[in-house]
N, C-alpha and C. Protein backbone atom coordinates (compact mmCIF):
# COMPACT_ATOMS: atom_id res chain seq x y z
N MET A 1 0.80 -1.21 0.00
CA MET A 1 0.00 0.00 0.00
C MET A 1 0.85 1.28 0.00
N PRO A 2 1.90 1.37 0.81
CA PRO A 2 2.71 2.59 0.76
C PRO A 2 3.35 2.82 -0.60
N ILE A 3 3.77 1.75 -1.28
CA ILE A 3 4.38 1.91 -2.60
C ILE A 3 3.34 2.46 -3.57
N LEU A 4 2.13 1.95 -3.51
CA LEU A 4 1.05 2.45 -4.37
C LEU A 4 0.76 3.92 -4.06
N ALA A 5 0.76 4.28 -2.80
CA ALA A 5 0.51 5.67 -2.42
C ALA A 5 1.62 6.58 -2.94
N PHE A 6 2.89 6.14 -2.84
CA PHE A 6 4.00 6.95 -3.35
C PHE A 6 3.92 7.10 -4.87
N GLU A 7 3.63 6.01 -5.57
CA GLU A 7 3.56 6.07 -7.02
C GLU A 7 2.40 6.96 -7.49
N THR A 8 1.25 6.79 -6.88
CA THR A 8 0.09 7.61 -7.24
C THR A 8 0.34 9.07 -6.87
N GLY A 9 0.93 9.28 -5.70
CA GLY A 9 1.24 10.65 -5.26
C GLY A 9 2.21 11.33 -6.19
N SER A 10 3.21 10.59 -6.69
CA SER A 10 4.18 11.17 -7.63
C SER A 10 3.51 11.54 -8.94
N PHE A 11 2.58 10.70 -9.40
CA PHE A 11 1.88 10.99 -10.65
C PHE A 11 0.96 12.20 -10.50
N VAL A 12 0.24 12.26 -9.38
CA VAL A 12 -0.73 13.32 -9.15
C VAL A 12 -0.04 14.65 -8.87
N ARG A 13 1.19 14.63 -8.38
CA ARG A 13 1.94 15.84 -8.02
C ARG A 13 2.01 16.84 -9.17
N GLY A 14 1.97 16.36 -10.40
CA GLY A 14 2.06 17.25 -11.55
C GLY A 14 0.81 18.09 -11.79
N PHE A 15 -0.30 17.70 -11.24
CA PHE A 15 -1.56 18.42 -11.44
C PHE A 15 -1.81 19.34 -10.25
N ALA A 16 -1.79 20.62 -10.49
CA ALA A 16 -1.92 21.61 -9.41
C ALA A 16 -3.31 21.58 -8.77
N SER A 17 -4.33 21.24 -9.54
CA SER A 17 -5.69 21.29 -9.01
C SER A 17 -5.98 20.19 -7.99
N ILE A 18 -5.24 19.09 -8.05
CA ILE A 18 -5.47 18.00 -7.09
C ILE A 18 -4.21 17.70 -6.27
N ARG A 19 -3.46 18.74 -5.96
CA ARG A 19 -2.25 18.57 -5.16
C ARG A 19 -2.58 18.05 -3.75
N TRP A 20 -3.75 18.36 -3.23
CA TRP A 20 -4.15 17.89 -1.92
C TRP A 20 -4.17 16.36 -1.88
N LEU A 21 -4.55 15.73 -2.99
CA LEU A 21 -4.57 14.28 -3.06
C LEU A 21 -3.16 13.72 -2.96
N SER A 22 -2.23 14.36 -3.63
CA SER A 22 -0.83 13.94 -3.56
C SER A 22 -0.30 14.07 -2.14
N ASP A 23 -0.58 15.18 -1.49
CA ASP A 23 -0.12 15.38 -0.12
C ASP A 23 -0.72 14.34 0.83
N THR A 24 -1.99 14.02 0.62
CA THR A 24 -2.65 13.02 1.45
C THR A 24 -2.04 11.64 1.24
N LEU A 25 -1.76 11.28 -0.01
CA LEU A 25 -1.17 9.98 -0.29
C LEU A 25 0.24 9.86 0.29
N PHE A 26 1.02 10.92 0.21
CA PHE A 26 2.35 10.89 0.80
C PHE A 26 2.26 10.80 2.32
N TRP A 27 1.28 11.44 2.93
CA TRP A 27 1.11 11.36 4.37
C TRP A 27 0.71 9.95 4.79
N VAL A 28 -0.19 9.33 4.02
CA VAL A 28 -0.63 7.97 4.32
C VAL A 28 0.55 7.01 4.33
N ALA A 29 1.49 7.19 3.42
CA ALA A 29 2.64 6.29 3.34
C ALA A 29 3.72 6.63 4.36
N GLY A 30 3.84 7.89 4.75
CA GLY A 30 4.96 8.29 5.59
C GLY A 30 4.64 8.63 7.02
N TRP A 31 3.43 8.40 7.49
CA TRP A 31 3.07 8.81 8.85
C TRP A 31 3.90 8.12 9.92
N PRO A 32 4.33 6.85 9.75
CA PRO A 32 5.14 6.27 10.82
C PRO A 32 6.50 6.97 10.98
N LEU A 33 7.05 7.44 9.88
CA LEU A 33 8.32 8.17 9.97
C LEU A 33 8.16 9.46 10.76
N ALA A 34 7.06 10.15 10.54
CA ALA A 34 6.81 11.38 11.30
C ALA A 34 6.57 11.07 12.78
N LEU A 35 5.93 9.96 13.05
CA LEU A 35 5.67 9.57 14.43
C LEU A 35 6.96 9.20 15.17
N LEU A 36 7.88 8.54 14.48
CA LEU A 36 9.11 8.07 15.11
C LEU A 36 10.26 9.07 15.01
N LYS A 37 10.04 10.19 14.36
CA LYS A 37 11.10 11.19 14.18
C LYS A 37 11.72 11.66 15.49
N PRO A 38 10.97 11.91 16.55
CA PRO A 38 11.59 12.39 17.80
C PRO A 38 12.59 11.42 18.43
N ILE A 39 12.46 10.13 18.19
CA ILE A 39 13.39 9.18 18.80
C ILE A 39 14.45 8.68 17.83
N THR A 40 14.45 9.18 16.60
CA THR A 40 15.45 8.78 15.63
C THR A 40 16.76 9.53 15.88
N PRO A 41 17.88 8.80 16.04
CA PRO A 41 19.15 9.48 16.31
C PRO A 41 19.72 10.12 15.05
N ASN A 42 20.65 11.04 15.24
CA ASN A 42 21.34 11.67 14.11
C ASN A 42 22.12 10.63 13.32
N SER A 43 22.30 10.87 12.04
CA SER A 43 23.02 9.91 11.21
C SER A 43 24.51 9.86 11.54
N GLU A 44 25.05 10.92 12.15
CA GLU A 44 26.47 10.92 12.50
C GLU A 44 26.77 10.16 13.78
N ASP A 45 25.75 9.84 14.54
CA ASP A 45 25.95 9.14 15.81
C ASP A 45 26.32 7.68 15.53
N THR A 46 27.50 7.26 16.01
CA THR A 46 27.98 5.90 15.73
C THR A 46 27.88 4.97 16.94
N SER A 47 27.20 5.38 17.98
CA SER A 47 27.10 4.55 19.17
C SER A 47 26.20 3.33 18.92
N SER A 48 26.34 2.35 19.77
CA SER A 48 25.52 1.14 19.62
C SER A 48 24.05 1.43 19.92
N GLN A 49 23.79 2.38 20.82
CA GLN A 49 22.39 2.74 21.11
C GLN A 49 21.72 3.35 19.88
N ALA A 50 22.45 4.21 19.16
CA ALA A 50 21.90 4.82 17.96
C ALA A 50 21.63 3.76 16.89
N ALA A 51 22.55 2.81 16.76
CA ALA A 51 22.35 1.74 15.78
C ALA A 51 21.13 0.89 16.15
N ASN A 52 20.96 0.63 17.43
CA ASN A 52 19.79 -0.15 17.87
C ASN A 52 18.49 0.62 17.64
N LEU A 53 18.51 1.92 17.89
CA LEU A 53 17.31 2.73 17.63
C LEU A 53 16.97 2.78 16.15
N ARG A 54 17.99 2.90 15.31
CA ARG A 54 17.74 2.89 13.86
C ARG A 54 17.15 1.56 13.42
N LEU A 55 17.67 0.46 13.95
CA LEU A 55 17.13 -0.86 13.63
C LEU A 55 15.69 -1.00 14.12
N ALA A 56 15.42 -0.52 15.32
CA ALA A 56 14.05 -0.57 15.84
C ALA A 56 13.10 0.24 14.97
N ASN A 57 13.54 1.41 14.51
CA ASN A 57 12.71 2.21 13.60
C ASN A 57 12.49 1.50 12.28
N LEU A 58 13.53 0.86 11.78
CA LEU A 58 13.43 0.13 10.52
C LEU A 58 12.42 -1.00 10.61
N ILE A 59 12.32 -1.60 11.77
CA ILE A 59 11.35 -2.68 11.98
C ILE A 59 9.96 -2.11 12.29
N ALA A 60 9.90 -1.03 13.04
CA ALA A 60 8.62 -0.48 13.49
C ALA A 60 7.80 0.16 12.38
N VAL A 61 8.46 0.79 11.42
CA VAL A 61 7.72 1.50 10.36
C VAL A 61 6.84 0.55 9.56
N PRO A 62 7.34 -0.55 9.02
CA PRO A 62 6.43 -1.45 8.29
C PRO A 62 5.36 -2.07 9.19
N LEU A 63 5.71 -2.37 10.43
CA LEU A 63 4.71 -2.93 11.34
C LEU A 63 3.58 -1.95 11.62
N LEU A 64 3.93 -0.69 11.82
CA LEU A 64 2.89 0.33 12.04
C LEU A 64 2.02 0.49 10.79
N ASP A 65 2.64 0.44 9.61
CA ASP A 65 1.86 0.52 8.36
C ASP A 65 0.88 -0.65 8.26
N VAL A 66 1.36 -1.85 8.52
CA VAL A 66 0.49 -3.03 8.42
C VAL A 66 -0.65 -2.95 9.43
N LEU A 67 -0.33 -2.56 10.65
CA LEU A 67 -1.38 -2.44 11.67
C LEU A 67 -2.43 -1.39 11.28
N MET A 68 -1.97 -0.25 10.79
CA MET A 68 -2.92 0.81 10.42
C MET A 68 -3.78 0.40 9.23
N TYR A 69 -3.16 -0.19 8.20
CA TYR A 69 -3.95 -0.60 7.03
C TYR A 69 -4.89 -1.75 7.38
N SER A 70 -4.50 -2.63 8.29
CA SER A 70 -5.40 -3.69 8.74
C SER A 70 -6.59 -3.10 9.47
N PHE A 71 -6.33 -2.15 10.34
CA PHE A 71 -7.40 -1.49 11.08
C PHE A 71 -8.35 -0.75 10.14
N LEU A 72 -7.80 -0.01 9.18
CA LEU A 72 -8.66 0.71 8.22
C LEU A 72 -9.47 -0.26 7.38
N THR A 73 -8.87 -1.37 6.96
CA THR A 73 -9.60 -2.37 6.18
C THR A 73 -10.73 -2.97 7.01
N TYR A 74 -10.46 -3.26 8.27
CA TYR A 74 -11.49 -3.80 9.16
C TYR A 74 -12.65 -2.82 9.30
N ILE A 75 -12.34 -1.54 9.49
CA ILE A 75 -13.39 -0.53 9.64
C ILE A 75 -14.23 -0.45 8.37
N ILE A 76 -13.58 -0.38 7.22
CA ILE A 76 -14.30 -0.26 5.95
C ILE A 76 -15.17 -1.48 5.70
N LEU A 77 -14.63 -2.68 5.91
CA LEU A 77 -15.41 -3.90 5.68
C LEU A 77 -16.55 -4.04 6.66
N SER A 78 -16.35 -3.63 7.90
CA SER A 78 -17.45 -3.73 8.86
C SER A 78 -18.57 -2.75 8.53
N VAL A 79 -18.23 -1.57 8.03
CA VAL A 79 -19.26 -0.61 7.63
C VAL A 79 -20.06 -1.16 6.45
N PHE A 80 -19.36 -1.68 5.44
CA PHE A 80 -20.08 -2.24 4.29
C PHE A 80 -20.86 -3.49 4.67
N GLY A 81 -20.34 -4.29 5.59
CA GLY A 81 -21.06 -5.49 6.05
C GLY A 81 -22.34 -5.13 6.78
N ARG A 82 -22.30 -4.10 7.60
CA ARG A 82 -23.52 -3.66 8.31
C ARG A 82 -24.56 -3.13 7.33
N ARG A 83 -24.12 -2.41 6.33
CA ARG A 83 -25.08 -1.89 5.33
C ARG A 83 -25.76 -3.04 4.62
N LYS A 84 -24.98 -4.07 4.28
CA LYS A 84 -25.55 -5.21 3.57
C LYS A 84 -26.53 -5.97 4.49
N GLN A 85 -26.20 -6.10 5.76
CA GLN A 85 -27.08 -6.80 6.70
C GLN A 85 -28.37 -6.04 6.91
N VAL A 86 -28.29 -4.72 7.02
CA VAL A 86 -29.48 -3.90 7.22
C VAL A 86 -30.34 -3.94 5.96
N GLY A 87 -29.73 -3.92 4.79
CA GLY A 87 -30.49 -3.92 3.54
C GLY A 87 -31.17 -5.25 3.27
N SER A 88 -30.59 -6.36 3.72
CA SER A 88 -31.19 -7.66 3.43
C SER A 88 -32.18 -8.11 4.49
N ALA A 89 -32.21 -7.43 5.63
CA ALA A 89 -33.12 -7.86 6.71
C ALA A 89 -34.52 -7.34 6.53
């Protein structure tokens, strides 16, 4: 999903009238990086703690993406499932 958001956002970026869509797609793909930015060490820091934090961020970003997209998919499917149940009853 993040790759699709980046690709679509890059394509849409050329159209000034729908730039908001591009910004939204880039935010959807990059929100974990913004969330983890305060605990990310500087790139010049060579300590073992900094290396461990970078590794933790590298692991956490895809996990946060998967959790968020799973949650959004669950919400969307449950809303459509309720509509179908109400319509057929």
